PDB file of all heavy atoms in Angstrom:
ATOM      1  N   ALA A   1      84.983  84.236  97.624  1.00  0.00           N
ATOM      2  CA  ALA A   1      84.444  84.624  98.927  1.00  0.00           C
ATOM      3  C   ALA A   1      84.701  83.534  99.968  1.00  0.00           C
ATOM      4  O   ALA A   1      85.107  83.830 101.103  1.00  0.00           O
ATOM      5  CB  ALA A   1      82.946  84.896  98.809  1.00  0.00           C
ATOM      6  N   TYR A   2      84.484  82.279  99.594  1.00  0.00           N
ATOM      7  CA  TYR A   2      84.733  81.165 100.519  1.00  0.00           C
ATOM      8  C   TYR A   2      86.210  81.107 100.901  1.00  0.00           C
ATOM      9  O   TYR A   2      86.555  80.959 102.089  1.00  0.00           O
ATOM     10  CB  TYR A   2      84.301  79.853  99.873  1.00  0.00           C
ATOM     11  CG  TYR A   2      84.740  78.632 100.643  1.00  0.00           C
ATOM     12  CD1 TYR A   2      84.073  78.238 101.798  1.00  0.00           C
ATOM     13  CD2 TYR A   2      85.833  77.875 100.207  1.00  0.00           C
ATOM     14  CE1 TYR A   2      84.490  77.118 102.513  1.00  0.00           C
ATOM     15  CE2 TYR A   2      86.244  76.759 100.909  1.00  0.00           C
ATOM     16  CZ  TYR A   2      85.586  76.382 102.069  1.00  0.00           C
ATOM     17  OH  TYR A   2      86.006  75.281 102.778  1.00  0.00           O
ATOM     18  N   ALA A   3      87.101  81.223  99.916  1.00  0.00           N
ATOM     19  CA  ALA A   3      88.540  81.125 100.177  1.00  0.00           C
ATOM     20  C   ALA A   3      89.037  82.245 101.079  1.00  0.00           C
ATOM     21  O   ALA A   3      90.015  82.074 101.817  1.00  0.00           O
ATOM     22  CB  ALA A   3      89.305  81.137  98.862  1.00  0.00           C
ATOM     23  N   ASN A   4      88.362  83.390 101.044  1.00  0.00           N
ATOM     24  CA  ASN A   4      88.815  84.544 101.822  1.00  0.00           C
ATOM     25  C   ASN A   4      88.133  84.660 103.184  1.00  0.00           C
ATOM     26  O   ASN A   4      88.422  85.599 103.927  1.00  0.00           O
ATOM     27  CB  ASN A   4      88.608  85.831 101.016  1.00  0.00           C
ATOM     28  CG  ASN A   4      89.704  86.037 100.003  1.00  0.00           C
ATOM     29  OD1 ASN A   4      90.778  86.544 100.307  1.00  0.00           O
ATOM     30  ND2 ASN A   4      89.443  85.620  98.757  1.00  0.00           N
ATOM     31  N   ARG A   5      87.247  83.729 103.512  1.00  0.00           N
ATOM     32  CA  ARG A   5      86.640  83.732 104.849  1.00  0.00           C
ATOM     33  C   ARG A   5      87.583  83.027 105.816  1.00  0.00           C
ATOM     34  O   ARG A   5      87.403  81.863 106.182  1.00  0.00           O
ATOM     35  CB  ARG A   5      85.266  83.065 104.825  1.00  0.00           C
ATOM     36  CG  ARG A   5      84.175  83.952 104.248  1.00  0.00           C
ATOM     37  CD  ARG A   5      82.791  83.489 104.682  1.00  0.00           C
ATOM     38  NE  ARG A   5      82.459  82.173 104.176  1.00  0.00           N
ATOM     39  CZ  ARG A   5      81.851  81.937 103.017  1.00  0.00           C
ATOM     40  NH1 ARG A   5      81.510  82.951 102.229  1.00  0.00           N
ATOM     41  NH2 ARG A   5      81.586  80.696 102.643  1.00  0.00           N
ATOM     42  N   ARG A   6      88.641  83.721 106.173  1.00  0.00           N
ATOM     43  CA  ARG A   6      89.669  83.167 107.042  1.00  0.00           C
ATOM     44  C   ARG A   6      90.571  84.293 107.513  1.00  0.00           C
ATOM     45  O   ARG A   6      90.563  85.398 106.959  1.00  0.00           O
ATOM     46  CB  ARG A   6      90.512  82.124 106.296  1.00  0.00           C
ATOM     47  CG  ARG A   6      91.060  82.598 104.965  1.00  0.00           C
ATOM     48  CD  ARG A   6      92.213  81.767 104.468  1.00  0.00           C
ATOM     49  NE  ARG A   6      93.377  81.963 105.332  1.00  0.00           N
ATOM     50  CZ  ARG A   6      94.482  81.216 105.264  1.00  0.00           C
ATOM     51  NH1 ARG A   6      94.552  80.243 104.395  1.00  0.00           N
ATOM     52  NH2 ARG A   6      95.499  81.453 106.060  1.00  0.00           N
ATOM     53  N   GLU A   7      91.357  84.022 108.532  1.00  0.00           N
ATOM     54  CA  GLU A   7      92.357  84.978 108.962  1.00  0.00           C
ATOM     55  C   GLU A   7      93.590  84.862 108.071  1.00  0.00           C
ATOM     56  O   GLU A   7      93.804  83.858 107.390  1.00  0.00           O
ATOM     57  CB  GLU A   7      92.750  84.717 110.424  1.00  0.00           C
ATOM     58  CG  GLU A   7      91.621  84.971 111.419  1.00  0.00           C
ATOM     59  CD  GLU A   7      92.065  84.757 112.851  1.00  0.00           C
ATOM     60  OE1 GLU A   7      93.212  84.316 113.067  1.00  0.00           O
ATOM     61  OE2 GLU A   7      91.249  85.022 113.754  1.00  0.00           O
ATOM     62  N   ASN A   8      94.419  85.899 108.104  1.00  0.00           N
ATOM     63  CA  ASN A   8      95.694  85.897 107.384  1.00  0.00           C
ATOM     64  C   ASN A   8      95.535  85.689 105.878  1.00  0.00           C
ATOM     65  O   ASN A   8      96.304  84.958 105.247  1.00  0.00           O
ATOM     66  CB  ASN A   8      96.646  84.841 107.952  1.00  0.00           C
ATOM     67  CG  ASN A   8      97.474  85.396 109.096  1.00  0.00           C
ATOM     68  OD1 ASN A   8      97.128  86.420 109.675  1.00  0.00           O
ATOM     69  ND2 ASN A   8      98.569  84.729 109.431  1.00  0.00           N
ATOM     70  N   ALA A   9      94.520  86.309 105.291  1.00  0.00           N
ATOM     71  CA  ALA A   9      94.360  86.321 103.839  1.00  0.00           C
ATOM     72  C   ALA A   9      94.155  87.768 103.401  1.00  0.00           C
ATOM     73  O   ALA A   9      93.185  88.409 103.805  1.00  0.00           O
ATOM     74  CB  ALA A   9      93.182  85.452 103.405  1.00  0.00           C
ATOM     75  N   LEU A  10      95.069  88.267 102.601  1.00  0.00           N
ATOM     76  CA  LEU A  10      95.007  89.646 102.124  1.00  0.00           C
ATOM     77  C   LEU A  10      95.054  89.654 100.598  1.00  0.00           C
ATOM     78  O   LEU A  10      95.629  88.747  99.974  1.00  0.00           O
ATOM     79  CB  LEU A  10      96.181  90.460 102.681  1.00  0.00           C
ATOM     80  CG  LEU A  10      96.275  90.570 104.206  1.00  0.00           C
ATOM     81  CD1 LEU A  10      97.560  91.280 104.609  1.00  0.00           C
ATOM     82  CD2 LEU A  10      95.062  91.296 104.773  1.00  0.00           C
ATOM     83  N   THR A  11      94.461  90.670 100.000  1.00  0.00           N
ATOM     84  CA  THR A  11      94.456  90.802  98.543  1.00  0.00           C
ATOM     85  C   THR A  11      95.004  92.157  98.141  1.00  0.00           C
ATOM     86  O   THR A  11      94.578  93.186  98.664  1.00  0.00           O
ATOM     87  CB  THR A  11      93.033  90.627  97.974  1.00  0.00           C
ATOM     88  OG1 THR A  11      92.553  89.325  98.318  1.00  0.00           O
ATOM     89  CG2 THR A  11      93.038  90.771  96.457  1.00  0.00           C
ATOM     90  N   ILE A  12      95.957  92.130  97.204  1.00  0.00           N
ATOM     91  CA  ILE A  12      96.547  93.356  96.676  1.00  0.00           C
ATOM     92  C   ILE A  12      95.839  93.721  95.381  1.00  0.00           C
ATOM     93  O   ILE A  12      95.773  92.913  94.445  1.00  0.00           O
ATOM     94  CB  ILE A  12      98.052  93.186  96.401  1.00  0.00           C
ATOM     95  CG1 ILE A  12      98.806  92.835  97.691  1.00  0.00           C
ATOM     96  CG2 ILE A  12      98.631  94.453  95.770  1.00  0.00           C
ATOM     97  CD1 ILE A  12     100.254  92.450  97.459  1.00  0.00           C
ATOM     98  N   PHE A  13      95.326  94.939  95.307  1.00  0.00           N
ATOM     99  CA  PHE A  13      94.741  95.467  94.073  1.00  0.00           C
ATOM    100  C   PHE A  13      95.642  96.569  93.525  1.00  0.00           C
ATOM    101  O   PHE A  13      96.300  97.287  94.286  1.00  0.00           O
ATOM    102  CB  PHE A  13      93.342  96.013  94.339  1.00  0.00           C
ATOM    103  CG  PHE A  13      92.331  94.953  94.675  1.00  0.00           C
ATOM    104  CD1 PHE A  13      91.986  94.704  95.999  1.00  0.00           C
ATOM    105  CD2 PHE A  13      91.752  94.187  93.678  1.00  0.00           C
ATOM    106  CE1 PHE A  13      91.062  93.721  96.323  1.00  0.00           C
ATOM    107  CE2 PHE A  13      90.823  93.199  93.988  1.00  0.00           C
ATOM    108  CZ  PHE A  13      90.480  92.966  95.317  1.00  0.00           C
ATOM    109  N   GLN A  14      95.632  96.706  92.200  1.00  0.00           N
ATOM    110  CA  GLN A  14      96.436  97.738  91.554  1.00  0.00           C
ATOM    111  C   GLN A  14      95.625  98.980  91.210  1.00  0.00           C
ATOM    112  O   GLN A  14      96.198 100.014  90.891  1.00  0.00           O
ATOM    113  CB  GLN A  14      97.098  97.179  90.289  1.00  0.00           C
ATOM    114  CG  GLN A  14      98.101  96.072  90.575  1.00  0.00           C
ATOM    115  CD  GLN A  14      98.906  95.682  89.360  1.00  0.00           C
ATOM    116  OE1 GLN A  14      98.679  96.151  88.244  1.00  0.00           O
ATOM    117  NE2 GLN A  14      99.862  94.799  89.540  1.00  0.00           N
ATOM    118  N   ASN A  15      94.303  98.862  91.261  1.00  0.00           N
ATOM    119  CA  ASN A  15      93.465 100.031  90.976  1.00  0.00           C
ATOM    120  C   ASN A  15      92.170  99.927  91.772  1.00  0.00           C
ATOM    121  O   ASN A  15      91.767  98.848  92.218  1.00  0.00           O
ATOM    122  CB  ASN A  15      93.188 100.171  89.471  1.00  0.00           C
ATOM    123  CG  ASN A  15      92.459  98.958  88.906  1.00  0.00           C
ATOM    124  OD1 ASN A  15      91.301  98.719  89.225  1.00  0.00           O
ATOM    125  ND2 ASN A  15      93.144  98.184  88.068  1.00  0.00           N
ATOM    126  N   ASP A  16      91.521 101.067  91.953  1.00  0.00           N
ATOM    127  CA  ASP A  16      90.308 101.126  92.775  1.00  0.00           C
ATOM    128  C   ASP A  16      89.131 100.409  92.133  1.00  0.00           C
ATOM    129  O   ASP A  16      88.252  99.880  92.839  1.00  0.00           O
ATOM    130  CB  ASP A  16      89.926 102.588  93.041  1.00  0.00           C
ATOM    131  CG  ASP A  16      90.893 103.272  93.992  1.00  0.00           C
ATOM    132  OD1 ASP A  16      91.441 102.574  94.873  1.00  0.00           O
ATOM    133  OD2 ASP A  16      91.105 104.489  93.859  1.00  0.00           O
ATOM    134  N   SER A  17      89.060 100.374  90.811  1.00  0.00           N
ATOM    135  CA  SER A  17      87.928  99.745  90.129  1.00  0.00           C
ATOM    136  C   SER A  17      87.845  98.254  90.432  1.00  0.00           C
ATOM    137  O   SER A  17      86.762  97.713  90.699  1.00  0.00           O
ATOM    138  CB  SER A  17      88.031  99.964  88.613  1.00  0.00           C
ATOM    139  OG  SER A  17      87.952 101.337  88.297  1.00  0.00           O
ATOM    140  N   ASP A  18      88.996  97.559  90.384  1.00  0.00           N
ATOM    141  CA  ASP A  18      89.004  96.124  90.666  1.00  0.00           C
ATOM    142  C   ASP A  18      88.636  95.857  92.125  1.00  0.00           C
ATOM    143  O   ASP A  18      87.886  94.923  92.428  1.00  0.00           O
ATOM    144  CB  ASP A  18      90.378  95.540  90.352  1.00  0.00           C
ATOM    145  CG  ASP A  18      90.670  95.500  88.856  1.00  0.00           C
ATOM    146  OD1 ASP A  18      89.744  95.747  88.066  1.00  0.00           O
ATOM    147  OD2 ASP A  18      91.830  95.232  88.490  1.00  0.00           O
ATOM    148  N   LYS A  19      89.178  96.671  93.027  1.00  0.00           N
ATOM    149  CA  LYS A  19      88.849  96.491  94.442  1.00  0.00           C
ATOM    150  C   LYS A  19      87.342  96.672  94.669  1.00  0.00           C
ATOM    151  O   LYS A  19      86.702  95.863  95.351  1.00  0.00           O
ATOM    152  CB  LYS A  19      89.628  97.485  95.308  1.00  0.00           C
ATOM    153  CG  LYS A  19      89.471  97.232  96.797  1.00  0.00           C
ATOM    154  CD  LYS A  19      90.026  98.360  97.639  1.00  0.00           C
ATOM    155  CE  LYS A  19      88.985  99.434  97.843  1.00  0.00           C
ATOM    156  NZ  LYS A  19      89.321 100.397  98.915  1.00  0.00           N
ATOM    157  N   SER A  20      86.773  97.725  94.080  1.00  0.00           N
ATOM    158  CA  SER A  20      85.348  97.996  94.252  1.00  0.00           C
ATOM    159  C   SER A  20      84.498  96.854  93.710  1.00  0.00           C
ATOM    160  O   SER A  20      83.447  96.525  94.275  1.00  0.00           O
ATOM    161  CB  SER A  20      84.972  99.300  93.545  1.00  0.00           C
ATOM    162  OG  SER A  20      85.655 100.394  94.122  1.00  0.00           O
ATOM    163  N   PHE A  21      84.951  96.226  92.629  1.00  0.00           N
ATOM    164  CA  PHE A  21      84.218  95.111  92.037  1.00  0.00           C
ATOM    165  C   PHE A  21      84.123  93.946  93.018  1.00  0.00           C
ATOM    166  O   PHE A  21      83.040  93.421  93.279  1.00  0.00           O
ATOM    167  CB  PHE A  21      84.902  94.671  90.741  1.00  0.00           C
ATOM    168  CG  PHE A  21      84.272  93.471  90.100  1.00  0.00           C
ATOM    169  CD1 PHE A  21      83.120  93.591  89.349  1.00  0.00           C
ATOM    170  CD2 PHE A  21      84.835  92.217  90.251  1.00  0.00           C
ATOM    171  CE1 PHE A  21      82.527  92.481  88.765  1.00  0.00           C
ATOM    172  CE2 PHE A  21      84.261  91.101  89.677  1.00  0.00           C
ATOM    173  CZ  PHE A  21      83.101  91.236  88.925  1.00  0.00           C
ATOM    174  N   PHE A  22      85.261  93.534  93.578  1.00  0.00           N
ATOM    175  CA  PHE A  22      85.268  92.381  94.479  1.00  0.00           C
ATOM    176  C   PHE A  22      84.573  92.698  95.804  1.00  0.00           C
ATOM    177  O   PHE A  22      83.820  91.867  96.326  1.00  0.00           O
ATOM    178  CB  PHE A  22      86.700  91.913  94.725  1.00  0.00           C
ATOM    179  CG  PHE A  22      87.243  91.040  93.634  1.00  0.00           C
ATOM    180  CD1 PHE A  22      87.981  91.574  92.598  1.00  0.00           C
ATOM    181  CD2 PHE A  22      86.996  89.674  93.644  1.00  0.00           C
ATOM    182  CE1 PHE A  22      88.471  90.768  91.581  1.00  0.00           C
ATOM    183  CE2 PHE A  22      87.482  88.856  92.632  1.00  0.00           C
ATOM    184  CZ  PHE A  22      88.217  89.405  91.597  1.00  0.00           C
ATOM    185  N   VAL A  23      84.822  93.879  96.349  1.00  0.00           N
ATOM    186  CA  VAL A  23      84.184  94.254  97.604  1.00  0.00           C
ATOM    187  C   VAL A  23      82.674  94.400  97.398  1.00  0.00           C
ATOM    188  O   VAL A  23      81.864  93.944  98.204  1.00  0.00           O
ATOM    189  CB  VAL A  23      84.793  95.554  98.173  1.00  0.00           C
ATOM    190  CG1 VAL A  23      83.992  96.046  99.378  1.00  0.00           C
ATOM    191  CG2 VAL A  23      86.247  95.328  98.563  1.00  0.00           C
ATOM    192  N   GLY A  24      82.290  95.021  96.289  1.00  0.00           N
ATOM    193  CA  GLY A  24      80.877  95.241  96.003  1.00  0.00           C
ATOM    194  C   GLY A  24      80.085  93.965  95.833  1.00  0.00           C
ATOM    195  O   GLY A  24      78.882  93.918  96.128  1.00  0.00           O
ATOM    196  N   HIS A  25      80.746  92.888  95.356  1.00  0.00           N
ATOM    197  CA  HIS A  25      80.069  91.603  95.181  1.00  0.00           C
ATOM    198  C   HIS A  25      80.237  90.696  96.397  1.00  0.00           C
ATOM    199  O   HIS A  25      79.859  89.509  96.346  1.00  0.00           O
ATOM    200  CB  HIS A  25      80.584  90.896  93.924  1.00  0.00           C
ATOM    201  CG  HIS A  25      80.039  91.468  92.652  1.00  0.00           C
ATOM    202  ND1 HIS A  25      80.640  92.508  91.985  1.00  0.00           N
ATOM    203  CD2 HIS A  25      78.910  91.171  91.944  1.00  0.00           C
ATOM    204  CE1 HIS A  25      79.925  92.818  90.913  1.00  0.00           C
ATOM    205  NE2 HIS A  25      78.874  92.027  90.864  1.00  0.00           N
ATOM    206  N   GLY A  26      80.809  91.237  97.468  1.00  0.00           N
ATOM    207  CA  GLY A  26      80.924  90.471  98.703  1.00  0.00           C
ATOM    208  C   GLY A  26      81.957  89.368  98.675  1.00  0.00           C
ATOM    209  O   GLY A  26      81.949  88.476  99.529  1.00  0.00           O
ATOM    210  N   ALA A  27      82.870  89.395  97.683  1.00  0.00           N
ATOM    211  CA  ALA A  27      83.871  88.340  97.577  1.00  0.00           C
ATOM    212  C   ALA A  27      85.046  88.563  98.529  1.00  0.00           C
ATOM    213  O   ALA A  27      85.680  87.598  98.978  1.00  0.00           O
ATOM    214  CB  ALA A  27      84.384  88.241  96.139  1.00  0.00           C
ATOM    215  N   ILE A  28      85.355  89.824  98.827  1.00  0.00           N
ATOM    216  CA  ILE A  28      86.468  90.168  99.706  1.00  0.00           C
ATOM    217  C   ILE A  28      86.017  91.320 100.604  1.00  0.00           C
ATOM    218  O   ILE A  28      85.344  92.249 100.137  1.00  0.00           O
ATOM    219  CB  ILE A  28      87.711  90.586  98.882  1.00  0.00           C
ATOM    220  CG1 ILE A  28      88.174  89.437  97.984  1.00  0.00           C
ATOM    221  CG2 ILE A  28      88.862  91.007  99.807  1.00  0.00           C
ATOM    222  CD1 ILE A  28      89.263  89.811  97.001  1.00  0.00           C
ATOM    223  N   LYS A  29      86.400  91.267 101.868  1.00  0.00           N
ATOM    224  CA  LYS A  29      86.063  92.336 102.783  1.00  0.00           C
ATOM    225  C   LYS A  29      87.017  93.518 102.610  1.00  0.00           C
ATOM    226  O   LYS A  29      88.176  93.340 102.286  1.00  0.00           O
ATOM    227  CB  LYS A  29      86.116  91.830 104.228  1.00  0.00           C
ATOM    228  CG  LYS A  29      85.069  90.777 104.552  1.00  0.00           C
ATOM    229  CD  LYS A  29      85.197  90.316 105.995  1.00  0.00           C
ATOM    230  CE  LYS A  29      84.147  89.255 106.338  1.00  0.00           C
ATOM    231  NZ  LYS A  29      84.294  88.776 107.729  1.00  0.00           N
ATOM    232  N   GLU A  30      86.494  94.700 102.867  1.00  0.00           N
ATOM    233  CA  GLU A  30      87.287  95.920 102.730  1.00  0.00           C
ATOM    234  C   GLU A  30      88.587  95.835 103.531  1.00  0.00           C
ATOM    235  O   GLU A  30      89.650  96.245 103.061  1.00  0.00           O
ATOM    236  CB  GLU A  30      86.459  97.125 103.197  1.00  0.00           C
ATOM    237  CG  GLU A  30      87.163  98.456 103.108  1.00  0.00           C
ATOM    238  CD  GLU A  30      87.207  99.017 101.699  1.00  0.00           C
ATOM    239  OE1 GLU A  30      86.248  98.790 100.937  1.00  0.00           O
ATOM    240  OE2 GLU A  30      88.214  99.676 101.368  1.00  0.00           O
ATOM    241  N   GLU A  31      88.509  95.280 104.748  1.00  0.00           N
ATOM    242  CA  GLU A  31      89.690  95.241 105.613  1.00  0.00           C
ATOM    243  C   GLU A  31      90.752  94.249 105.137  1.00  0.00           C
ATOM    244  O   GLU A  31      91.882  94.252 105.631  1.00  0.00           O
ATOM    245  CB  GLU A  31      89.296  94.920 107.059  1.00  0.00           C
ATOM    246  CG  GLU A  31      88.542  93.626 107.246  1.00  0.00           C
ATOM    247  CD  GLU A  31      87.034  93.811 107.217  1.00  0.00           C
ATOM    248  OE1 GLU A  31      86.566  94.779 106.568  1.00  0.00           O
ATOM    249  OE2 GLU A  31      86.322  92.987 107.815  1.00  0.00           O
ATOM    250  N   GLN A  32      90.393  93.410 104.171  1.00  0.00           N
ATOM    251  CA  GLN A  32      91.365  92.462 103.613  1.00  0.00           C
ATOM    252  C   GLN A  32      92.094  93.027 102.400  1.00  0.00           C
ATOM    253  O   GLN A  32      92.987  92.376 101.855  1.00  0.00           O
ATOM    254  CB  GLN A  32      90.659  91.163 103.196  1.00  0.00           C
ATOM    255  CG  GLN A  32      90.112  90.347 104.345  1.00  0.00           C
ATOM    256  CD  GLN A  32      89.381  89.108 103.849  1.00  0.00           C
ATOM    257  OE1 GLN A  32      88.376  89.206 103.129  1.00  0.00           O
ATOM    258  NE2 GLN A  32      89.883  87.940 104.200  1.00  0.00           N
ATOM    259  N   CYS A  33      91.732  94.217 101.968  1.00  0.00           N
ATOM    260  CA  CYS A  33      92.280  94.789 100.735  1.00  0.00           C
ATOM    261  C   CYS A  33      93.505  95.658 101.015  1.00  0.00           C
ATOM    262  O   CYS A  33      93.536  96.426 101.972  1.00  0.00           O
ATOM    263  CB  CYS A  33      91.223  95.628 100.023  1.00  0.00           C
ATOM    264  SG  CYS A  33      89.746  94.704  99.560  1.00  0.00           S
ATOM    265  N   ARG A  34      94.486  95.548 100.145  1.00  0.00           N
ATOM    266  CA  ARG A  34      95.655  96.417 100.160  1.00  0.00           C
ATOM    267  C   ARG A  34      95.848  96.969  98.753  1.00  0.00           C
ATOM    268  O   ARG A  34      95.384  96.391  97.775  1.00  0.00           O
ATOM    269  CB  ARG A  34      96.907  95.659 100.622  1.00  0.00           C
ATOM    270  CG  ARG A  34      96.789  95.046 102.027  1.00  0.00           C
ATOM    271  CD  ARG A  34      96.653  96.099 103.102  1.00  0.00           C
ATOM    272  NE  ARG A  34      96.537  95.517 104.442  1.00  0.00           N
ATOM    273  CZ  ARG A  34      95.389  95.224 105.036  1.00  0.00           C
ATOM    274  NH1 ARG A  34      94.245  95.440 104.388  1.00  0.00           N
ATOM    275  NH2 ARG A  34      95.365  94.712 106.240  1.00  0.00           N
ATOM    276  N   TYR A  35      96.560  98.087  98.638  1.00  0.00           N
ATOM    277  CA  TYR A  35      96.661  98.790  97.348  1.00  0.00           C
ATOM    278  C   TYR A  35      98.127  99.054  97.012  1.00  0.00           C
ATOM    279  O   TYR A  35      98.847  99.685  97.792  1.00  0.00           O
ATOM    280  CB  TYR A  35      95.894 100.115  97.444  1.00  0.00           C
ATOM    281  CG  TYR A  35      95.874 100.942  96.187  1.00  0.00           C
ATOM    282  CD1 TYR A  35      95.351 100.439  95.000  1.00  0.00           C
ATOM    283  CD2 TYR A  35      96.368 102.248  96.177  1.00  0.00           C
ATOM    284  CE1 TYR A  35      95.317 101.199  93.846  1.00  0.00           C
ATOM    285  CE2 TYR A  35      96.333 103.022  95.027  1.00  0.00           C
ATOM    286  CZ  TYR A  35      95.804 102.488  93.865  1.00  0.00           C
ATOM    287  OH  TYR A  35      95.778 103.252  92.725  1.00  0.00           O
ATOM    288  N   ILE A  36      98.581  98.518  95.886  1.00  0.00           N
ATOM    289  CA  ILE A  36      99.919  98.798  95.361  1.00  0.00           C
ATOM    290  C   ILE A  36      99.762  99.094  93.874  1.00  0.00           C
ATOM    291  O   ILE A  36      99.275  98.257  93.124  1.00  0.00           O
ATOM    292  CB  ILE A  36     100.895  97.623  95.569  1.00  0.00           C
ATOM    293  CG1 ILE A  36     101.039  97.314  97.064  1.00  0.00           C
ATOM    294  CG2 ILE A  36     102.254  97.948  94.976  1.00  0.00           C
ATOM    295  CD1 ILE A  36     101.943  96.129  97.367  1.00  0.00           C
ATOM    296  N   LYS A  37     100.188 100.261  93.460  1.00  0.00           N
ATOM    297  CA  LYS A  37      99.915 100.757  92.114  1.00  0.00           C
ATOM    298  C   LYS A  37     100.898 100.176  91.094  1.00  0.00           C
ATOM    299  O   LYS A  37     101.861 100.806  90.682  1.00  0.00           O
ATOM    300  CB  LYS A  37      99.990 102.290  92.130  1.00  0.00           C
ATOM    301  CG  LYS A  37      99.322 102.967  90.956  1.00  0.00           C
ATOM    302  CD  LYS A  37      99.305 104.469  91.175  1.00  0.00           C
ATOM    303  CE  LYS A  37      98.658 105.212  90.029  1.00  0.00           C
ATOM    304  NZ  LYS A  37      98.625 106.662  90.246  1.00  0.00           N
ATOM    305  N   GLY A  38     100.663  98.924  90.719  1.00  0.00           N
ATOM    306  CA  GLY A  38     101.506  98.280  89.724  1.00  0.00           C
ATOM    307  C   GLY A  38     102.678  97.551  90.341  1.00  0.00           C
ATOM    308  O   GLY A  38     102.857  97.504  91.557  1.00  0.00           O
ATOM    309  N   SER A  39     103.509  96.963  89.480  1.00  0.00           N
ATOM    310  CA  SER A  39     104.651  96.174  89.942  1.00  0.00           C
ATOM    311  C   SER A  39     105.928  96.990  90.033  1.00  0.00           C
ATOM    312  O   SER A  39     106.971  96.472  90.416  1.00  0.00           O
ATOM    313  CB  SER A  39     104.865  94.969  89.014  1.00  0.00           C
ATOM    314  OG  SER A  39     104.948  95.389  87.667  1.00  0.00           O
ATOM    315  N   GLY A  40     105.851  98.273  89.678  1.00  0.00           N
ATOM    316  CA  GLY A  40     106.993  99.161  89.871  1.00  0.00           C
ATOM    317  C   GLY A  40     108.019  99.090  88.750  1.00  0.00           C
ATOM    318  O   GLY A  40     107.978  98.225  87.873  1.00  0.00           O
ATOM    319  N   VAL A  41     108.957 100.017  88.792  1.00  0.00           N
ATOM    320  CA  VAL A  41     110.024 100.076  87.797  1.00  0.00           C
ATOM    321  C   VAL A  41     111.306 100.510  88.495  1.00  0.00           C
ATOM    322  O   VAL A  41     111.287 101.330  89.412  1.00  0.00           O
ATOM    323  CB  VAL A  41     109.664 101.055  86.650  1.00  0.00           C
ATOM    324  CG1 VAL A  41     109.470 102.477  87.162  1.00  0.00           C
ATOM    325  CG2 VAL A  41     110.701 101.014  85.535  1.00  0.00           C
ATOM    326  N   ASP A  42     112.413  99.939  88.076  1.00  0.00           N
ATOM    327  CA  ASP A  42     113.728 100.322  88.600  1.00  0.00           C
ATOM    328  C   ASP A  42     114.124 101.643  87.946  1.00  0.00           C
ATOM    329  O   ASP A  42     114.438 101.689  86.753  1.00  0.00           O
ATOM    330  CB  ASP A  42     114.751  99.232  88.276  1.00  0.00           C
ATOM    331  CG  ASP A  42     116.098  99.473  88.920  1.00  0.00           C
ATOM    332  OD1 ASP A  42     116.484 100.662  89.066  1.00  0.00           O
ATOM    333  OD2 ASP A  42     116.780  98.499  89.255  1.00  0.00           O
ATOM    334  N   LEU A  43     114.098 102.711  88.716  1.00  0.00           N
ATOM    335  CA  LEU A  43     114.308 104.053  88.154  1.00  0.00           C
ATOM    336  C   LEU A  43     115.746 104.293  87.705  1.00  0.00           C
ATOM    337  O   LEU A  43     116.001 105.195  86.898  1.00  0.00           O
ATOM    338  CB  LEU A  43     113.903 105.114  89.179  1.00  0.00           C
ATOM    339  CG  LEU A  43     112.410 105.139  89.531  1.00  0.00           C
ATOM    340  CD1 LEU A  43     112.146 106.113  90.672  1.00  0.00           C
ATOM    341  CD2 LEU A  43     111.566 105.512  88.316  1.00  0.00           C
TER     342      LEU A  43
END
């Protein structure tokens, strides 16, 4: 929470459960969260 109280800090989550955990405990603000579903695969 301390490290994320700043501008230009974003967090990528891969699933909604992890995001809800950090946001729910006040460690990261909702507006700092981004969502990417895994690291991808070369099709």
